[in-house]
Amino acid sequence: MRGFPWIENTRSRDAAVSTLRSGSAAAAEDGSAAESVGAFLAVCAIGALAGLAGAHLRLHLGLPGHKAVLVMAPVIAARFVFRSAAGATGGMLAAALASLAIHGEVIAASTHLPFAVVAGVVLDAAIGFAQRRRLAARWAIGLAGLAGLAGNLVLLAERLLTPLFQSHEFLGISGLQARLFSYALFGLLAGLVGASLGEVIRRRRAGASRPA
């Protein structure tokens, strides 16, 4: 009979510990979910700002695909910093929506938005692969450059479907080849610039968060 109270106390203590652990795990999951949502929204916000900048700024380069540097590079940088799994997809979609809203091109949304989403998926896949594999910075930046190239070619595919397709000349190349080369070049540049900027910001944030 003496052991019964002791057994009951032990069981009560174990139950309390188990409850505390489950509560802590649930709180950690809630915090992680909130952090993931916050990271996604942050990339979307930067994408929307990039879309507005791309709609207003004119670089007057006369080269097709150059707006990838204005729009895609900030999204890639934000994707590197906030590490949201679907951040680039949301960022590219937000950029497209902001740009279309400025221009009032409601009808064009049905054709443009799917291509923006596909471009974002390409970026997320490449950057996510680099982060999961913990690739060295130079390899991650190079992979992001190739993803930017591929993503900008996806946007070119949408341009080719429009009836207002115009021929360009670039470095002595004309027609479709000129467009392909120009879109590929600026997509690669956007990926390299965005990833490099994202890596610098990420490292500075990591350094600032370390205790002195």
C-alpha atoms as a PDB file:
ATOM      1  CA  MET A   1       0.000   0.000   0.000  1.00  0.00           C
ATOM      2  CA  ARG A   2       2.892   2.391   0.655  1.00  0.00           C
ATOM      3  CA  GLY A   3       4.010   2.295  -2.936  1.00  0.00           C
ATOM      4  CA  PHE A   4       0.683   3.380  -4.396  1.00  0.00           C
ATOM      5  CA  PRO A   5       0.987   7.123  -3.634  1.00  0.00           C
ATOM      6  CA  TRP A   6       4.544   7.103  -4.942  1.00  0.00           C
ATOM      7  CA  ILE A   7       3.424   5.377  -8.136  1.00  0.00           C
ATOM      8  CA  GLU A   8       0.560   7.843  -8.559  1.00  0.00           C
ATOM      9  CA  ASN A   9       2.922  10.795  -8.026  1.00  0.00           C
ATOM     10  CA  THR A  10       5.351   9.388 -10.591  1.00  0.00           C
ATOM     11  CA  ARG A  11       2.590   8.898 -13.112  1.00  0.00           C
ATOM     12  CA  SER A  12       1.288  12.404 -12.500  1.00  0.00           C
ATOM     13  CA  ARG A  13       4.780  13.823 -12.914  1.00  0.00           C
ATOM     14  CA  ASP A  14       5.348  11.856 -16.128  1.00  0.00           C
ATOM     15  CA  ALA A  15       1.987  13.016 -17.465  1.00  0.00           C
ATOM     16  CA  ALA A  16       2.853  16.628 -16.659  1.00  0.00           C
ATOM     17  CA  VAL A  17       6.238  16.332 -18.352  1.00  0.00           C
ATOM     18  CA  SER A  18       4.611  14.727 -21.388  1.00  0.00           C
ATOM     19  CA  THR A  19       2.047  17.528 -21.544  1.00  0.00           C
ATOM     20  CA  LEU A  20       4.758  20.169 -21.317  1.00  0.00           C
ATOM     21  CA  ARG A  21       6.781  18.510 -24.049  1.00  0.00           C
ATOM     22  CA  SER A  22       3.792  18.206 -26.375  1.00  0.00           C
ATOM     23  CA  GLY A  23       2.890  21.813 -25.677  1.00  0.00           C
ATOM     24  CA  SER A  24       6.435  22.943 -26.418  1.00  0.00           C
ATOM     25  CA  ALA A  25       6.454  20.933 -29.651  1.00  0.00           C
ATOM     26  CA  ALA A  26       3.132  22.426 -30.716  1.00  0.00           C
ATOM     27  CA  ALA A  27       4.378  25.928 -29.921  1.00  0.00           C
ATOM     28  CA  ALA A  28       7.544  25.289 -31.917  1.00  0.00           C
ATOM     29  CA  GLU A  29       5.489  24.064 -34.878  1.00  0.00           C
ATOM     30  CA  ASP A  30       3.235  27.116 -34.687  1.00  0.00           C
ATOM     31  CA  GLY A  31       6.275  29.381 -34.536  1.00  0.00           C
ATOM     32  CA  SER A  32       7.868  27.631 -37.498  1.00  0.00           C
ATOM     33  CA  ALA A  33       4.661  27.908 -39.527  1.00  0.00           C
ATOM     34  CA  ALA A  34       4.336  31.608 -38.708  1.00  0.00           C
ATOM     35  CA  GLU A  35       7.968  32.150 -39.656  1.00  0.00           C
ATOM     36  CA  SER A  36       7.462  30.345 -42.980  1.00  0.00           C
ATOM     37  CA  VAL A  37       4.398  32.452 -43.792  1.00  0.00           C
ATOM     38  CA  GLY A  38       6.270  35.605 -42.849  1.00  0.00           C
ATOM     39  CA  ALA A  39       9.208  34.665 -45.075  1.00  0.00           C
ATOM     40  CA  PHE A  40       6.882  33.948 -48.000  1.00  0.00           C
ATOM     41  CA  LEU A  41       5.059  37.260 -47.595  1.00  0.00           C
ATOM     42  CA  ALA A  42       8.372  39.124 -47.352  1.00  0.00           C
ATOM     43  CA  VAL A  43       9.525  37.749 -50.705  1.00  0.00           C
ATOM     44  CA  CYS A  44       6.110  38.543 -52.217  1.00  0.00           C
ATOM     45  CA  ALA A  45       6.335  42.121 -50.965  1.00  0.00           C
ATOM     46  CA  ILE A  46       9.784  42.559 -52.488  1.00  0.00           C
ATOM     47  CA  GLY A  47       8.509  41.003 -55.712  1.00  0.00           C
ATOM     48  CA  ALA A  48       5.618  43.486 -55.821  1.00  0.00           C
ATOM     49  CA  LEU A  49       8.010  46.393 -55.316  1.00  0.00           C
ATOM     50  CA  ALA A  50      10.258  44.998 -58.051  1.00  0.00           C
ATOM     51  CA  GLY A  51       7.250  44.732 -60.365  1.00  0.00           C
ATOM     52  CA  LEU A  52       6.371  48.364 -59.696  1.00  0.00           C
ATOM     53  CA  ALA A  53       9.959  49.398 -60.354  1.00  0.00           C
ATOM     54  CA  GLY A  54      10.023  47.419 -63.582  1.00  0.00           C
ATOM     55  CA  ALA A  55       6.786  49.068 -64.692  1.00  0.00           C
ATOM     56  CA  HIS A  56       8.007  52.616 -64.011  1.00  0.00           C
ATOM     57  CA  LEU A  57      11.740  52.554 -64.731  1.00  0.00           C
ATOM     58  CA  ARG A  58      13.026  52.776 -68.275  1.00  0.00           C
ATOM     59  CA  LEU A  59      16.632  51.785 -68.873  1.00  0.00           C
ATOM     60  CA  HIS A  60      16.377  52.641 -72.568  1.00  0.00           C
ATOM     61  CA  LEU A  61      18.687  49.785 -73.497  1.00  0.00           C
ATOM     62  CA  GLY A  62      16.572  48.763 -76.453  1.00  0.00           C
ATOM     63  CA  LEU A  63      17.357  45.117 -75.659  1.00  0.00           C
ATOM     64  CA  PRO A  64      14.654  42.512 -75.022  1.00  0.00           C
ATOM     65  CA  GLY A  65      14.574  40.769 -71.653  1.00  0.00           C
ATOM     66  CA  HIS A  66      16.612  43.385 -69.785  1.00  0.00           C
ATOM     67  CA  LYS A  67      13.860  43.943 -67.188  1.00  0.00           C
ATOM     68  CA  ALA A  68      14.836  40.638 -65.609  1.00  0.00           C
ATOM     69  CA  VAL A  69      17.609  42.587 -63.869  1.00  0.00           C
ATOM     70  CA  LEU A  70      15.019  44.938 -62.357  1.00  0.00           C
ATOM     71  CA  VAL A  71      12.376  42.356 -61.487  1.00  0.00           C
ATOM     72  CA  MET A  72      13.919  38.903 -61.209  1.00  0.00           C
ATOM     73  CA  ALA A  73      17.151  39.851 -59.421  1.00  0.00           C
ATOM     74  CA  PRO A  74      15.409  41.316 -56.317  1.00  0.00           C
ATOM     75  CA  VAL A  75      13.138  38.259 -56.096  1.00  0.00           C
ATOM     76  CA  ILE A  76      16.134  35.918 -56.257  1.00  0.00           C
ATOM     77  CA  ALA A  77      17.978  37.953 -53.614  1.00  0.00           C
ATOM     78  CA  ALA A  78      14.942  37.823 -51.317  1.00  0.00           C
ATOM     79  CA  ARG A  79      14.577  34.088 -51.911  1.00  0.00           C
ATOM     80  CA  PHE A  80      18.179  33.567 -50.780  1.00  0.00           C
ATOM     81  CA  VAL A  81      17.734  35.713 -47.682  1.00  0.00           C
ATOM     82  CA  PHE A  82      14.340  34.490 -46.419  1.00  0.00           C
ATOM     83  CA  ARG A  83      14.663  30.880 -47.649  1.00  0.00           C
ATOM     84  CA  SER A  84      10.949  30.469 -48.337  1.00  0.00           C
ATOM     85  CA  ALA A  85      10.329  27.232 -50.239  1.00  0.00           C
ATOM     86  CA  ALA A  86       7.851  28.886 -52.615  1.00  0.00           C
ATOM     87  CA  GLY A  87       9.140  32.423 -52.223  1.00  0.00           C
ATOM     88  CA  ALA A  88      10.364  32.955 -55.778  1.00  0.00           C
ATOM     89  CA  THR A  89       7.060  31.678 -57.174  1.00  0.00           C
ATOM     90  CA  GLY A  90       5.107  34.078 -54.983  1.00  0.00           C
ATOM     91  CA  GLY A  91       7.557  36.884 -55.667  1.00  0.00           C
ATOM     92  CA  MET A  92       7.354  36.520 -59.446  1.00  0.00           C
ATOM     93  CA  LEU A  93       3.567  36.299 -59.274  1.00  0.00           C
ATOM     94  CA  ALA A  94       3.395  39.426 -57.096  1.00  0.00           C
ATOM     95  CA  ALA A  95       5.737  41.250 -59.492  1.00  0.00           C
ATOM     96  CA  ALA A  96       3.558  40.328 -62.469  1.00  0.00           C
ATOM     97  CA  LEU A  97       0.359  41.375 -60.679  1.00  0.00           C
ATOM     98  CA  ALA A  98       1.861  44.717 -59.642  1.00  0.00           C
ATOM     99  CA  SER A  99       3.133  45.411 -63.158  1.00  0.00           C
ATOM    100  CA  LEU A 100      -0.155  44.465 -64.793  1.00  0.00           C
ATOM    101  CA  ALA A 101      -2.100  46.586 -62.297  1.00  0.00           C
ATOM    102  CA  ILE A 102       0.023  49.633 -63.118  1.00  0.00           C
ATOM    103  CA  HIS A 103      -0.479  49.177 -66.848  1.00  0.00           C
ATOM    104  CA  GLY A 104      -4.136  48.245 -66.472  1.00  0.00           C
ATOM    105  CA  GLU A 105      -3.608  45.116 -68.544  1.00  0.00           C
ATOM    106  CA  VAL A 106      -6.340  42.992 -67.004  1.00  0.00           C
ATOM    107  CA  ILE A 107      -6.870  40.860 -70.103  1.00  0.00           C
ATOM    108  CA  ALA A 108      -3.143  40.096 -70.397  1.00  0.00           C
ATOM    109  CA  ALA A 109      -3.139  38.610 -66.881  1.00  0.00           C
ATOM    110  CA  SER A 110      -4.613  35.322 -68.078  1.00  0.00           C
ATOM    111  CA  THR A 111      -1.625  34.695 -70.362  1.00  0.00           C
ATOM    112  CA  HIS A 112       1.188  36.414 -68.466  1.00  0.00           C
ATOM    113  CA  LEU A 113       0.613  35.152 -64.932  1.00  0.00           C
ATOM    114  CA  PRO A 114       1.045  31.423 -65.691  1.00  0.00           C
ATOM    115  CA  PHE A 115       4.437  32.095 -67.286  1.00  0.00           C
ATOM    116  CA  ALA A 116       5.504  34.219 -64.307  1.00  0.00           C
ATOM    117  CA  VAL A 117       4.530  31.366 -61.982  1.00  0.00           C
ATOM    118  CA  VAL A 118       6.486  28.814 -64.043  1.00  0.00           C
ATOM    119  CA  ALA A 119       9.541  31.097 -64.001  1.00  0.00           C
ATOM    120  CA  GLY A 120       9.220  31.348 -60.214  1.00  0.00           C
ATOM    121  CA  VAL A 121       8.933  27.578 -59.869  1.00  0.00           C
ATOM    122  CA  VAL A 122      12.166  27.187 -61.841  1.00  0.00           C
ATOM    123  CA  LEU A 123      13.914  29.627 -59.502  1.00  0.00           C
ATOM    124  CA  ASP A 124      12.527  27.945 -56.364  1.00  0.00           C
ATOM    125  CA  ALA A 125      13.604  24.513 -57.578  1.00  0.00           C
ATOM    126  CA  ALA A 126      17.178  25.587 -58.277  1.00  0.00           C
ATOM    127  CA  ILE A 127      17.675  27.721 -55.166  1.00  0.00           C
ATOM    128  CA  GLY A 128      15.942  25.166 -52.953  1.00  0.00           C
ATOM    129  CA  PHE A 129      18.234  22.450 -54.301  1.00  0.00           C
ATOM    130  CA  ALA A 130      21.297  24.566 -53.551  1.00  0.00           C
ATOM    131  CA  GLN A 131      20.129  25.318 -50.013  1.00  0.00           C
ATOM    132  CA  ARG A 132      19.108  21.762 -49.187  1.00  0.00           C
ATOM    133  CA  ARG A 133      22.437  20.455 -50.435  1.00  0.00           C
ATOM    134  CA  ARG A 134      24.262  23.281 -48.686  1.00  0.00           C
ATOM    135  CA  LEU A 135      26.275  24.025 -51.776  1.00  0.00           C
ATOM    136  CA  ALA A 136      29.188  26.414 -51.552  1.00  0.00           C
ATOM    137  CA  ALA A 137      28.290  30.011 -52.330  1.00  0.00           C
ATOM    138  CA  ARG A 138      29.952  30.008 -55.751  1.00  0.00           C
ATOM    139  CA  TRP A 139      28.008  26.916 -56.831  1.00  0.00           C
ATOM    140  CA  ALA A 140      24.733  28.242 -55.432  1.00  0.00           C
ATOM    141  CA  ILE A 141      25.228  31.555 -57.228  1.00  0.00           C
ATOM    142  CA  GLY A 142      26.122  29.794 -60.467  1.00  0.00           C
ATOM    143  CA  LEU A 143      23.059  27.573 -60.216  1.00  0.00           C
ATOM    144  CA  ALA A 144      20.885  30.610 -59.564  1.00  0.00           C
ATOM    145  CA  GLY A 145      22.368  32.240 -62.655  1.00  0.00           C
ATOM    146  CA  LEU A 146      21.346  29.260 -64.780  1.00  0.00           C
ATOM    147  CA  ALA A 147      17.897  29.295 -63.170  1.00  0.00           C
ATOM    148  CA  GLY A 148      17.564  32.991 -63.995  1.00  0.00           C
ATOM    149  CA  LEU A 149      18.517  32.217 -67.586  1.00  0.00           C
ATOM    150  CA  ALA A 150      15.901  29.468 -67.791  1.00  0.00           C
ATOM    151  CA  GLY A 151      13.284  31.597 -66.052  1.00  0.00           C
ATOM    152  CA  ASN A 152      13.765  34.490 -68.437  1.00  0.00           C
ATOM    153  CA  LEU A 153      13.451  32.136 -71.396  1.00  0.00           C
ATOM    154  CA  VAL A 154      10.117  31.023 -69.939  1.00  0.00           C
ATOM    155  CA  LEU A 155       9.025  34.667 -70.027  1.00  0.00           C
ATOM    156  CA  LEU A 156      10.269  34.901 -73.596  1.00  0.00           C
ATOM    157  CA  ALA A 157       8.011  31.983 -74.513  1.00  0.00           C
ATOM    158  CA  GLU A 158       5.055  34.089 -73.418  1.00  0.00           C
ATOM    159  CA  ARG A 159       6.267  36.968 -75.604  1.00  0.00           C
ATOM    160  CA  LEU A 160       6.501  34.696 -78.613  1.00  0.00           C
ATOM    161  CA  LEU A 161       2.817  33.900 -78.279  1.00  0.00           C
ATOM    162  CA  THR A 162       1.752  37.539 -78.504  1.00  0.00           C
ATOM    163  CA  PRO A 163       0.754  39.013 -81.851  1.00  0.00           C
ATOM    164  CA  LEU A 164       2.933  42.082 -81.191  1.00  0.00           C
ATOM    165  CA  PHE A 165       6.203  40.194 -81.477  1.00  0.00           C
ATOM    166  CA  GLN A 166       8.947  42.502 -82.775  1.00  0.00           C
ATOM    167  CA  SER A 167      12.255  41.593 -84.323  1.00  0.00           C
ATOM    168  CA  HIS A 168      15.465  42.885 -82.695  1.00  0.00           C
ATOM    169  CA  GLU A 169      19.127  42.953 -83.550  1.00  0.00           C
ATOM    170  CA  PHE A 170      21.723  42.210 -80.900  1.00  0.00           C
ATOM    171  CA  LEU A 171      25.483  41.919 -81.446  1.00  0.00           C
ATOM    172  CA  GLY A 172      24.975  41.382 -85.145  1.00  0.00           C
ATOM    173  CA  ILE A 173      22.285  38.751 -84.582  1.00  0.00           C
ATOM    174  CA  SER A 174      18.721  39.461 -85.637  1.00  0.00           C
ATOM    175  CA  GLY A 175      15.296  37.906 -85.371  1.00  0.00           C
ATOM    176  CA  LEU A 176      14.415  35.184 -82.913  1.00  0.00           C
ATOM    177  CA  GLN A 177      18.061  34.303 -82.271  1.00  0.00           C
ATOM    178  CA  ALA A 178      18.702  37.846 -81.068  1.00  0.00           C
ATOM    179  CA  ARG A 179      15.805  37.613 -78.643  1.00  0.00           C
ATOM    180  CA  LEU A 180      16.910  34.228 -77.349  1.00  0.00           C
ATOM    181  CA  PHE A 181      20.452  35.457 -76.771  1.00  0.00           C
ATOM    182  CA  SER A 182      19.329  38.702 -75.136  1.00  0.00           C
ATOM    183  CA  TYR A 183      16.797  37.046 -72.808  1.00  0.00           C
ATOM    184  CA  ALA A 184      19.307  34.352 -71.871  1.00  0.00           C
ATOM    185  CA  LEU A 185      22.026  36.919 -71.151  1.00  0.00           C
ATOM    186  CA  PHE A 186      19.884  39.157 -68.971  1.00  0.00           C
ATOM    187  CA  GLY A 187      18.342  36.168 -67.197  1.00  0.00           C
ATOM    188  CA  LEU A 188      21.805  34.857 -66.375  1.00  0.00           C
ATOM    189  CA  LEU A 189      22.865  38.313 -65.199  1.00  0.00           C
ATOM    190  CA  ALA A 190      19.750  38.661 -63.035  1.00  0.00           C
ATOM    191  CA  GLY A 191      20.402  35.286 -61.425  1.00  0.00           C
ATOM    192  CA  LEU A 192      24.050  36.012 -60.699  1.00  0.00           C
ATOM    193  CA  VAL A 193      23.416  39.528 -59.370  1.00  0.00           C
ATOM    194  CA  GLY A 194      20.410  38.507 -57.274  1.00  0.00           C
ATOM    195  CA  ALA A 195      22.112  35.457 -55.769  1.00  0.00           C
ATOM    196  CA  SER A 196      25.310  37.376 -55.004  1.00  0.00           C
ATOM    197  CA  LEU A 197      23.350  40.143 -53.306  1.00  0.00           C
ATOM    198  CA  GLY A 198      21.279  37.603 -51.385  1.00  0.00           C
ATOM    199  CA  GLU A 199      24.380  35.771 -50.164  1.00  0.00           C
ATOM    200  CA  VAL A 200      25.961  39.029 -48.944  1.00  0.00           C
ATOM    201  CA  ILE A 201      22.806  40.054 -47.072  1.00  0.00           C
ATOM    202  CA  ARG A 202      22.336  36.574 -45.612  1.00  0.00           C
ATOM    203  CA  ARG A 203      25.907  36.439 -44.296  1.00  0.00           C
ATOM    204  CA  ARG A 204      25.653  39.892 -42.769  1.00  0.00           C
ATOM    205  CA  ARG A 205      22.416  38.960 -41.043  1.00  0.00           C
ATOM    206  CA  ALA A 206      23.955  35.741 -39.757  1.00  0.00           C
ATOM    207  CA  GLY A 207      26.988  37.647 -38.469  1.00  0.00           C
ATOM    208  CA  ALA A 208      24.852  40.264 -36.777  1.00  0.00           C
ATOM    209  CA  SER A 209      22.762  37.615 -35.000  1.00  0.00           C
ATOM    210  CA  ARG A 210      25.802  35.920 -33.428  1.00  0.00           C
ATOM    211  CA  PRO A 211      26.525  36.881 -29.831  1.00  0.00           C
ATOM    212  CA  ALA A 212      29.574  39.089 -29.347  1.00  0.00           C
END
